[in-house]
C-alpha cells in the first residue's frame, strides 16, 4: 500500500511539472509577459511538482547531514 501511495505521488508530481511547463510555454508562445497568468500560475505549479518529486526521491532513508 505504501508503494502505491509513493508511486501515485510521484505520478501526480510529474503531472504538475508537465502542466506548469506547458502553461509557461503556451504563454510565452502567445506573447505573454512575465506577469501573465500562465507564467504566474505555471511556474509555481512546476516548482511544487519538482519539489514533491525531490522529496519522494528517497525510500525513507535519511540523507547525510539531514
Foldseek 3Di string as FASTA:
>chain_A
DVVVVLVVLLVVLVVLLVQLVVLVVVCVVVPHDCPDPSNVPSVVSNVVSVVSNVVSVDPPDDDPPD
